[in-house]
Amino acid sequence: MVRARTTPLRTHSPHGWFSPYRHVKWVDLDSHGHGVLDVTAERSRTDSYVVSDRTREDATSTRVRSYRTRGGTRKVERVDAPVR
């Protein structure tokens, strides 16, 4: 018998499996979704979304995380609201 993994691989740096990769702040390897990257002269910004059920045409998506880097810096910051 083969046992399937029952716990999700969701994690965040620096305590997760990818901690050597300082630029990776969060990953969800179990859900299906998409990301939106918005770049301006002042900042770059990414919003990550998870799809409710990828097998359904009427599936919805929910924003789960957002990060930004301000121009002239090398610091990634978590933000609370999506790009509008």
C-alpha atoms as a PDB file:
ATOM      1  CA  MET A   1       0.000   0.000   0.000  1.00  0.00           C
ATOM      2  CA  VAL A   2       1.212   3.481  -0.872  1.00  0.00           C
ATOM      3  CA  ARG A   3       0.293   6.234   1.544  1.00  0.00           C
ATOM      4  CA  ALA A   4      -0.448   9.660   0.104  1.00  0.00           C
ATOM      5  CA  ARG A   5       0.749  12.831   1.706  1.00  0.00           C
ATOM      6  CA  THR A   6      -2.068  14.284   3.794  1.00  0.00           C
ATOM      7  CA  THR A   7      -0.501  17.515   5.019  1.00  0.00           C
ATOM      8  CA  PRO A   8      -0.147  20.471   2.641  1.00  0.00           C
ATOM      9  CA  LEU A   9       3.227  21.819   1.539  1.00  0.00           C
ATOM     10  CA  ARG A  10       2.275  25.409   2.332  1.00  0.00           C
ATOM     11  CA  THR A  11       5.054  27.156   4.133  1.00  0.00           C
ATOM     12  CA  HIS A  12       6.919  30.422   4.403  1.00  0.00           C
ATOM     13  CA  SER A  13      10.522  31.485   4.750  1.00  0.00           C
ATOM     14  CA  PRO A  14      12.771  31.276   6.725  1.00  0.00           C
ATOM     15  CA  HIS A  15      11.441  28.113   8.410  1.00  0.00           C
ATOM     16  CA  GLY A  16      10.231  26.172   5.385  1.00  0.00           C
ATOM     17  CA  TRP A  17      11.949  23.732   3.046  1.00  0.00           C
ATOM     18  CA  PHE A  18      13.124  26.540   0.744  1.00  0.00           C
ATOM     19  CA  SER A  19      14.780  28.680   3.427  1.00  0.00           C
ATOM     20  CA  PRO A  20      18.099  28.940   1.482  1.00  0.00           C
ATOM     21  CA  TYR A  21      16.185  30.994  -1.110  1.00  0.00           C
ATOM     22  CA  ARG A  22      15.843  34.352   0.646  1.00  0.00           C
ATOM     23  CA  HIS A  23      13.862  35.864  -2.241  1.00  0.00           C
ATOM     24  CA  VAL A  24      11.043  33.314  -1.799  1.00  0.00           C
ATOM     25  CA  LYS A  25       8.702  34.597   0.903  1.00  0.00           C
ATOM     26  CA  TRP A  26       5.786  32.199   0.496  1.00  0.00           C
ATOM     27  CA  VAL A  27       4.735  29.190  -1.577  1.00  0.00           C
ATOM     28  CA  ASP A  28       1.671  26.960  -1.800  1.00  0.00           C
ATOM     29  CA  LEU A  29       2.396  23.785  -3.746  1.00  0.00           C
ATOM     30  CA  ASP A  30      -0.981  22.174  -3.110  1.00  0.00           C
ATOM     31  CA  SER A  31      -3.501  24.696  -4.443  1.00  0.00           C
ATOM     32  CA  HIS A  32      -4.159  25.777  -8.014  1.00  0.00           C
ATOM     33  CA  GLY A  33      -4.201  29.451  -8.815  1.00  0.00           C
ATOM     34  CA  HIS A  34      -2.458  32.351 -10.466  1.00  0.00           C
ATOM     35  CA  GLY A  35      -0.488  35.481  -9.740  1.00  0.00           C
ATOM     36  CA  VAL A  36      -0.689  39.056 -10.933  1.00  0.00           C
ATOM     37  CA  LEU A  37       2.540  41.052 -11.264  1.00  0.00           C
ATOM     38  CA  ASP A  38       2.244  44.842 -11.528  1.00  0.00           C
ATOM     39  CA  VAL A  39       5.394  46.899 -12.130  1.00  0.00           C
ATOM     40  CA  THR A  40       5.683  50.690 -12.053  1.00  0.00           C
ATOM     41  CA  ALA A  41       8.656  53.041 -11.678  1.00  0.00           C
ATOM     42  CA  GLU A  42       7.821  53.386  -7.969  1.00  0.00           C
ATOM     43  CA  ARG A  43       7.449  49.686  -7.069  1.00  0.00           C
ATOM     44  CA  SER A  44       6.817  46.125  -8.164  1.00  0.00           C
ATOM     45  CA  ARG A  45       3.900  44.219  -6.719  1.00  0.00           C
ATOM     46  CA  THR A  46       2.575  40.657  -6.865  1.00  0.00           C
ATOM     47  CA  ASP A  47      -0.803  39.288  -5.779  1.00  0.00           C
ATOM     48  CA  SER A  48      -1.318  35.516  -5.453  1.00  0.00           C
ATOM     49  CA  TYR A  49      -4.753  33.935  -5.946  1.00  0.00           C
ATOM     50  CA  VAL A  50      -6.133  30.430  -5.300  1.00  0.00           C
ATOM     51  CA  VAL A  51      -8.901  28.931  -7.458  1.00  0.00           C
ATOM     52  CA  SER A  52     -11.806  27.349  -5.568  1.00  0.00           C
ATOM     53  CA  ASP A  53     -12.221  24.312  -7.858  1.00  0.00           C
ATOM     54  CA  ARG A  54     -10.206  24.060 -11.048  1.00  0.00           C
ATOM     55  CA  THR A  55     -12.614  21.506 -12.522  1.00  0.00           C
ATOM     56  CA  ARG A  56     -15.584  23.904 -12.546  1.00  0.00           C
ATOM     57  CA  GLU A  57     -16.182  26.673 -15.069  1.00  0.00           C
ATOM     58  CA  ASP A  58     -17.865  28.796 -12.398  1.00  0.00           C
ATOM     59  CA  ALA A  59     -14.894  28.552 -10.014  1.00  0.00           C
ATOM     60  CA  THR A  60     -13.943  31.643  -8.064  1.00  0.00           C
ATOM     61  CA  SER A  61     -10.525  32.924  -7.074  1.00  0.00           C
ATOM     62  CA  THR A  62      -9.457  34.344  -3.740  1.00  0.00           C
ATOM     63  CA  ARG A  63      -6.422  36.487  -3.056  1.00  0.00           C
ATOM     64  CA  VAL A  64      -4.219  34.795  -0.487  1.00  0.00           C
ATOM     65  CA  ARG A  65      -1.014  36.857  -0.392  1.00  0.00           C
ATOM     66  CA  SER A  66       0.440  40.114  -1.704  1.00  0.00           C
ATOM     67  CA  TYR A  67       3.991  41.466  -1.664  1.00  0.00           C
ATOM     68  CA  ARG A  68       5.753  44.587  -2.926  1.00  0.00           C
ATOM     69  CA  THR A  69       9.240  45.961  -3.402  1.00  0.00           C
ATOM     70  CA  ARG A  70       9.591  49.727  -3.465  1.00  0.00           C
ATOM     71  CA  GLY A  71      11.799  51.311  -6.126  1.00  0.00           C
ATOM     72  CA  GLY A  72      15.388  51.776  -5.036  1.00  0.00           C
ATOM     73  CA  THR A  73      15.175  49.123  -2.318  1.00  0.00           C
ATOM     74  CA  ARG A  74      15.826  45.407  -2.113  1.00  0.00           C
ATOM     75  CA  LYS A  75      13.295  44.723   0.641  1.00  0.00           C
ATOM     76  CA  VAL A  76      10.180  42.620   0.037  1.00  0.00           C
ATOM     77  CA  GLU A  77       7.196  43.652   2.158  1.00  0.00           C
ATOM     78  CA  ARG A  78       3.917  41.830   2.679  1.00  0.00           C
ATOM     79  CA  VAL A  79       0.906  44.063   1.992  1.00  0.00           C
ATOM     80  CA  ASP A  80      -2.734  43.628   2.968  1.00  0.00           C
ATOM     81  CA  ALA A  81      -4.686  44.738  -0.102  1.00  0.00           C
ATOM     82  CA  PRO A  82      -4.484  43.778  -3.780  1.00  0.00           C
ATOM     83  CA  VAL A  83      -3.509  46.148  -6.590  1.00  0.00           C
ATOM     84  CA  ARG A  84      -6.526  48.192  -7.655  1.00  0.00           C
END
